[in-house]
N, C-alpha and C. Protein backbone atom coordinates (compact mmCIF):
# COMPACT_ATOMS: atom_id res chain seq x y z
N MET A 1 14.36 -4.19 17.37
CA MET A 1 13.74 -3.02 16.75
C MET A 1 13.67 -3.22 15.24
N GLN A 2 12.51 -2.94 14.67
CA GLN A 2 12.31 -3.11 13.23
C GLN A 2 12.89 -1.91 12.47
N ASP A 3 13.34 -2.16 11.27
CA ASP A 3 13.75 -1.05 10.41
C ASP A 3 12.50 -0.33 9.91
N HIS A 4 12.69 0.85 9.39
CA HIS A 4 11.56 1.68 8.98
C HIS A 4 10.71 1.01 7.90
N LEU A 5 11.35 0.38 6.94
CA LEU A 5 10.61 -0.27 5.86
C LEU A 5 9.75 -1.41 6.39
N SER A 6 10.28 -2.19 7.32
CA SER A 6 9.50 -3.27 7.92
C SER A 6 8.32 -2.73 8.70
N GLN A 7 8.51 -1.63 9.42
CA GLN A 7 7.41 -1.01 10.15
C GLN A 7 6.32 -0.55 9.20
N THR A 8 6.72 0.02 8.09
CA THR A 8 5.75 0.51 7.11
C THR A 8 4.93 -0.64 6.55
N PHE A 9 5.59 -1.70 6.11
CA PHE A 9 4.85 -2.83 5.54
C PHE A 9 4.00 -3.53 6.59
N SER A 10 4.49 -3.58 7.82
CA SER A 10 3.70 -4.18 8.90
C SER A 10 2.44 -3.36 9.15
N ALA A 11 2.57 -2.05 9.13
CA ALA A 11 1.41 -1.18 9.32
C ALA A 11 0.42 -1.34 8.17
N LEU A 12 0.93 -1.48 6.97
CA LEU A 12 0.06 -1.61 5.78
C LEU A 12 -0.57 -2.99 5.66
N ALA A 13 -0.07 -3.96 6.41
CA ALA A 13 -0.57 -5.33 6.30
C ALA A 13 -1.99 -5.49 6.83
N ASP A 14 -2.43 -4.59 7.68
CA ASP A 14 -3.74 -4.73 8.31
C ASP A 14 -4.82 -3.95 7.53
N PRO A 15 -5.93 -4.60 7.18
CA PRO A 15 -6.97 -3.93 6.40
C PRO A 15 -7.63 -2.75 7.13
N THR A 16 -7.70 -2.81 8.44
CA THR A 16 -8.27 -1.68 9.20
C THR A 16 -7.39 -0.45 9.04
N ARG A 17 -6.09 -0.65 9.15
CA ARG A 17 -5.17 0.48 9.02
C ARG A 17 -5.17 1.02 7.59
N ARG A 18 -5.27 0.12 6.60
CA ARG A 18 -5.35 0.60 5.21
C ARG A 18 -6.62 1.41 5.00
N ALA A 19 -7.72 0.99 5.61
CA ALA A 19 -8.98 1.73 5.49
C ALA A 19 -8.84 3.11 6.14
N MET A 20 -8.15 3.17 7.25
CA MET A 20 -7.92 4.46 7.91
C MET A 20 -7.08 5.38 7.02
N LEU A 21 -6.07 4.82 6.40
CA LEU A 21 -5.23 5.61 5.49
C LEU A 21 -6.04 6.08 4.28
N ALA A 22 -6.91 5.21 3.78
CA ALA A 22 -7.76 5.60 2.65
C ALA A 22 -8.66 6.77 3.04
N ARG A 23 -9.21 6.71 4.24
CA ARG A 23 -10.07 7.80 4.71
C ARG A 23 -9.25 9.08 4.82
N LEU A 24 -8.03 8.99 5.36
CA LEU A 24 -7.19 10.17 5.52
C LEU A 24 -6.69 10.72 4.19
N SER A 25 -6.71 9.91 3.17
CA SER A 25 -6.29 10.41 1.84
C SER A 25 -7.27 11.44 1.30
N THR A 26 -8.47 11.48 1.87
CA THR A 26 -9.46 12.49 1.45
C THR A 26 -9.37 13.76 2.28
N GLY A 27 -8.56 13.73 3.35
CA GLY A 27 -8.37 14.91 4.18
C GLY A 27 -8.25 14.56 5.65
N GLU A 28 -7.86 15.54 6.41
CA GLU A 28 -7.67 15.39 7.85
C GLU A 28 -8.97 14.94 8.52
N ALA A 29 -8.84 14.13 9.58
CA ALA A 29 -10.01 13.65 10.32
C ALA A 29 -9.66 13.53 11.79
N ASN A 30 -10.68 13.67 12.63
CA ASN A 30 -10.41 13.46 14.05
C ASN A 30 -10.52 11.98 14.36
N VAL A 31 -10.03 11.60 15.53
CA VAL A 31 -9.98 10.20 15.92
C VAL A 31 -11.38 9.58 15.94
N SER A 32 -12.37 10.33 16.41
CA SER A 32 -13.75 9.81 16.46
C SER A 32 -14.28 9.49 15.07
N ASP A 33 -13.99 10.37 14.11
CA ASP A 33 -14.44 10.11 12.73
C ASP A 33 -13.76 8.88 12.15
N LEU A 34 -12.48 8.72 12.44
CA LEU A 34 -11.75 7.54 11.95
C LEU A 34 -12.27 6.27 12.60
N ALA A 35 -12.65 6.36 13.85
CA ALA A 35 -13.11 5.19 14.59
C ALA A 35 -14.50 4.74 14.18
N GLN A 36 -15.35 5.67 13.76
CA GLN A 36 -16.77 5.40 13.52
C GLN A 36 -17.06 4.14 12.70
N PRO A 37 -16.41 3.91 11.55
CA PRO A 37 -16.75 2.72 10.75
C PRO A 37 -16.40 1.39 11.42
N PHE A 38 -15.57 1.43 12.46
CA PHE A 38 -15.06 0.20 13.06
C PHE A 38 -15.64 -0.10 14.44
N LEU A 39 -16.44 0.79 14.97
CA LEU A 39 -16.92 0.64 16.35
C LEU A 39 -17.81 -0.57 16.57
N ASP A 40 -18.47 -1.07 15.53
CA ASP A 40 -19.29 -2.27 15.69
C ASP A 40 -18.43 -3.52 15.88
N ASP A 41 -17.21 -3.49 15.35
CA ASP A 41 -16.36 -4.68 15.37
C ASP A 41 -15.21 -4.64 16.36
N MET A 42 -14.86 -3.45 16.86
CA MET A 42 -13.72 -3.37 17.77
C MET A 42 -13.89 -2.23 18.76
N SER A 43 -13.12 -2.31 19.81
CA SER A 43 -13.20 -1.31 20.88
C SER A 43 -12.40 -0.06 20.52
N LEU A 44 -12.67 1.01 21.22
CA LEU A 44 -11.93 2.25 21.02
C LEU A 44 -10.44 2.07 21.35
N PRO A 45 -10.08 1.31 22.39
CA PRO A 45 -8.64 1.07 22.63
C PRO A 45 -7.97 0.32 21.47
N ALA A 46 -8.68 -0.58 20.82
CA ALA A 46 -8.10 -1.29 19.67
C ALA A 46 -7.89 -0.32 18.51
N ILE A 47 -8.82 0.58 18.31
CA ILE A 47 -8.68 1.58 17.25
C ILE A 47 -7.50 2.50 17.55
N THR A 48 -7.38 2.89 18.81
CA THR A 48 -6.25 3.73 19.23
C THR A 48 -4.93 3.02 18.95
N LYS A 49 -4.88 1.73 19.19
CA LYS A 49 -3.67 0.94 18.93
C LYS A 49 -3.32 0.96 17.43
N HIS A 50 -4.34 0.82 16.58
CA HIS A 50 -4.10 0.90 15.13
C HIS A 50 -3.51 2.26 14.76
N LEU A 51 -4.05 3.32 15.34
CA LEU A 51 -3.54 4.66 15.04
C LEU A 51 -2.11 4.83 15.54
N GLN A 52 -1.79 4.23 16.66
CA GLN A 52 -0.42 4.29 17.18
C GLN A 52 0.56 3.58 16.24
N VAL A 53 0.13 2.44 15.69
CA VAL A 53 0.98 1.71 14.75
C VAL A 53 1.24 2.56 13.51
N LEU A 54 0.19 3.20 13.00
CA LEU A 54 0.34 4.07 11.82
C LEU A 54 1.24 5.26 12.12
N GLU A 55 1.09 5.82 13.30
CA GLU A 55 1.92 6.96 13.68
C GLU A 55 3.38 6.55 13.86
N LYS A 56 3.61 5.42 14.52
CA LYS A 56 4.98 4.93 14.73
C LYS A 56 5.68 4.64 13.41
N ALA A 57 4.91 4.15 12.43
CA ALA A 57 5.47 3.86 11.10
C ALA A 57 5.67 5.14 10.28
N GLY A 58 5.21 6.27 10.80
CA GLY A 58 5.38 7.54 10.10
C GLY A 58 4.37 7.75 8.99
N LEU A 59 3.28 7.00 9.00
CA LEU A 59 2.28 7.12 7.93
C LEU A 59 1.22 8.17 8.24
N ILE A 60 1.05 8.52 9.51
CA ILE A 60 0.13 9.59 9.89
C ILE A 60 0.79 10.46 10.94
N THR A 61 0.27 11.65 11.09
CA THR A 61 0.66 12.52 12.20
C THR A 61 -0.61 12.90 12.95
N LYS A 62 -0.48 12.98 14.27
CA LYS A 62 -1.61 13.36 15.11
C LYS A 62 -1.30 14.69 15.78
N THR A 63 -2.32 15.53 15.88
CA THR A 63 -2.18 16.81 16.57
C THR A 63 -3.28 16.92 17.60
N ARG A 64 -3.03 17.73 18.59
CA ARG A 64 -4.04 17.98 19.62
C ARG A 64 -4.32 19.47 19.68
N LYS A 65 -5.58 19.79 19.53
CA LYS A 65 -6.03 21.17 19.70
C LYS A 65 -7.18 21.12 20.69
N ALA A 66 -6.89 21.50 21.92
CA ALA A 66 -7.86 21.41 23.02
C ALA A 66 -8.32 19.96 23.16
N GLN A 67 -9.61 19.70 23.03
CA GLN A 67 -10.14 18.34 23.15
C GLN A 67 -10.15 17.60 21.82
N TRP A 68 -9.84 18.28 20.74
CA TRP A 68 -9.93 17.70 19.40
C TRP A 68 -8.57 17.13 19.00
N ARG A 69 -8.55 15.84 18.65
CA ARG A 69 -7.33 15.19 18.20
C ARG A 69 -7.50 14.84 16.72
N SER A 70 -6.73 15.49 15.91
CA SER A 70 -6.86 15.23 14.47
C SER A 70 -5.70 14.41 13.96
N CYS A 71 -5.95 13.71 12.88
CA CYS A 71 -4.94 12.89 12.21
C CYS A 71 -4.88 13.31 10.76
N LYS A 72 -3.69 13.26 10.21
CA LYS A 72 -3.56 13.50 8.78
C LYS A 72 -2.52 12.56 8.19
N LEU A 73 -2.69 12.31 6.93
CA LEU A 73 -1.80 11.40 6.21
C LEU A 73 -0.43 12.05 6.07
N ASN A 74 0.60 11.25 6.24
CA ASN A 74 1.98 11.70 6.06
C ASN A 74 2.54 10.97 4.85
N GLY A 75 2.49 11.61 3.70
CA GLY A 75 2.94 10.99 2.46
C GLY A 75 4.41 10.61 2.47
N ASP A 76 5.22 11.34 3.23
CA ASP A 76 6.64 11.02 3.30
C ASP A 76 6.88 9.63 3.89
N GLY A 77 5.96 9.17 4.72
CA GLY A 77 6.11 7.86 5.34
C GLY A 77 6.05 6.72 4.35
N LEU A 78 5.45 6.96 3.21
CA LEU A 78 5.33 5.92 2.18
C LEU A 78 6.46 5.94 1.15
N LYS A 79 7.30 6.96 1.19
CA LYS A 79 8.34 7.10 0.16
C LYS A 79 9.30 5.91 0.11
N ASP A 80 9.77 5.47 1.27
CA ASP A 80 10.72 4.34 1.28
C ASP A 80 10.08 3.08 0.70
N ALA A 81 8.82 2.83 1.08
CA ALA A 81 8.13 1.65 0.56
C ALA A 81 7.91 1.77 -0.94
N ALA A 82 7.52 2.95 -1.39
CA ALA A 82 7.30 3.16 -2.83
C ALA A 82 8.60 2.99 -3.61
N ASN A 83 9.69 3.51 -3.09
CA ASN A 83 10.99 3.37 -3.75
C ASN A 83 11.42 1.91 -3.80
N TRP A 84 11.20 1.19 -2.72
CA TRP A 84 11.57 -0.23 -2.68
C TRP A 84 10.76 -1.01 -3.71
N MET A 85 9.47 -0.76 -3.78
CA MET A 85 8.61 -1.46 -4.75
C MET A 85 8.93 -1.06 -6.19
N GLU A 86 9.35 0.16 -6.39
CA GLU A 86 9.68 0.64 -7.74
C GLU A 86 10.82 -0.17 -8.35
N GLN A 87 11.80 -0.55 -7.55
CA GLN A 87 12.90 -1.37 -8.05
C GLN A 87 12.39 -2.67 -8.65
N TYR A 88 11.45 -3.28 -7.97
CA TYR A 88 10.91 -4.56 -8.43
C TYR A 88 9.95 -4.38 -9.59
N ARG A 89 9.24 -3.27 -9.62
CA ARG A 89 8.36 -3.00 -10.76
C ARG A 89 9.19 -2.88 -12.03
N VAL A 90 10.28 -2.16 -11.95
CA VAL A 90 11.16 -1.99 -13.12
C VAL A 90 11.74 -3.34 -13.53
N PHE A 91 12.20 -4.14 -12.57
CA PHE A 91 12.76 -5.45 -12.87
C PHE A 91 11.74 -6.31 -13.61
N TRP A 92 10.52 -6.42 -13.08
CA TRP A 92 9.51 -7.28 -13.70
C TRP A 92 9.04 -6.74 -15.03
N GLU A 93 8.94 -5.44 -15.15
CA GLU A 93 8.52 -4.86 -16.42
C GLU A 93 9.55 -5.18 -17.51
N GLU A 94 10.82 -5.03 -17.19
CA GLU A 94 11.87 -5.35 -18.15
C GLU A 94 11.88 -6.85 -18.47
N SER A 95 11.66 -7.68 -17.46
CA SER A 95 11.63 -9.13 -17.69
C SER A 95 10.47 -9.52 -18.61
N PHE A 96 9.32 -8.95 -18.39
CA PHE A 96 8.17 -9.25 -19.24
C PHE A 96 8.37 -8.72 -20.66
N ASP A 97 9.01 -7.59 -20.80
CA ASP A 97 9.31 -7.06 -22.14
C ASP A 97 10.25 -8.01 -22.89
N ARG A 98 11.27 -8.54 -22.19
CA ARG A 98 12.19 -9.49 -22.83
C ARG A 98 11.46 -10.78 -23.20
N LEU A 99 10.59 -11.26 -22.32
CA LEU A 99 9.81 -12.46 -22.60
C LEU A 99 8.90 -12.24 -23.80
N ASP A 100 8.26 -11.09 -23.86
CA ASP A 100 7.38 -10.77 -24.99
C ASP A 100 8.17 -10.76 -26.30
N ALA A 101 9.33 -10.15 -26.30
CA ALA A 101 10.16 -10.10 -27.51
C ALA A 101 10.58 -11.51 -27.92
N TYR A 102 10.96 -12.34 -26.95
CA TYR A 102 11.36 -13.71 -27.24
C TYR A 102 10.19 -14.51 -27.82
N LEU A 103 9.04 -14.40 -27.23
CA LEU A 103 7.87 -15.14 -27.71
C LEU A 103 7.48 -14.71 -29.13
N LYS A 104 7.66 -13.46 -29.44
CA LYS A 104 7.36 -12.99 -30.79
C LYS A 104 8.31 -13.62 -31.81
N THR A 105 9.58 -13.79 -31.44
CA THR A 105 10.52 -14.41 -32.38
C THR A 105 10.23 -15.89 -32.54
N VAL A 106 9.85 -16.55 -31.45
CA VAL A 106 9.56 -17.99 -31.51
C VAL A 106 8.30 -18.25 -32.33
N THR A 107 7.26 -17.49 -32.10
CA THR A 107 6.01 -17.72 -32.84
C THR A 107 6.13 -17.29 -34.30
N ALA A 108 7.01 -16.37 -34.61
CA ALA A 108 7.20 -15.95 -36.00
C ALA A 108 7.89 -17.04 -36.81
N LYS A 109 8.69 -17.91 -36.17
CA LYS A 109 9.42 -18.97 -36.87
C LYS A 109 8.58 -20.21 -37.09
N LYS A 110 7.49 -20.39 -36.35
CA LYS A 110 6.67 -21.60 -36.48
C LYS A 110 5.76 -21.47 -37.70
N PRO A 111 5.62 -22.60 -38.47
CA PRO A 111 4.67 -22.55 -39.58
C PRO A 111 3.24 -22.53 -39.03
N PRO A 112 2.33 -21.88 -39.71
CA PRO A 112 0.94 -21.85 -39.25
C PRO A 112 0.38 -23.26 -39.17
N GLN A 113 -0.36 -23.56 -38.16
CA GLN A 113 -0.94 -24.89 -38.00
C GLN A 113 -2.08 -25.09 -38.98
N GLY A 114 -2.20 -26.30 -39.50
CA GLY A 114 -3.28 -26.64 -40.42
C GLY A 114 -2.92 -26.44 -41.87
N ASP A 115 -1.75 -25.82 -42.16
CA ASP A 115 -1.35 -25.56 -43.53
C ASP A 115 -0.47 -26.67 -44.11
N GLU A 116 -0.12 -27.70 -43.32
CA GLU A 116 0.77 -28.74 -43.79
C GLU A 116 0.18 -29.57 -44.94
N ASN A 117 -1.13 -29.79 -44.97
CA ASN A 117 -1.76 -30.66 -45.95
C ASN A 117 -2.32 -29.90 -47.16
N VAL A 118 -2.06 -28.67 -47.30
CA VAL A 118 -2.63 -27.90 -48.42
C VAL A 118 -1.91 -28.14 -49.69
């Protein structure tokens, strides 16, 4: 069994699922609307499988009202992934700031090129 973070990244790894999430970021949609852009390239069962992966990862929620099945984005599902990535963003930002400061001290100590023969 995968941990929640691995499930989230696995779900986000597929461009079809990312496109579905992008569509849901504009508002709730039914399964047919989500499937429409992909029907030329894949079957309805394949689309359903993508939606199941997103739901299992906690990135979407599905509801049933009579014959209408709607999906909506679940922002809480992305919190763990965002928190995990934030740690690394801070690390790299601080590392680049230290590198920038170091390079400024090194370049400030070098004599300008071309001025040796003046």
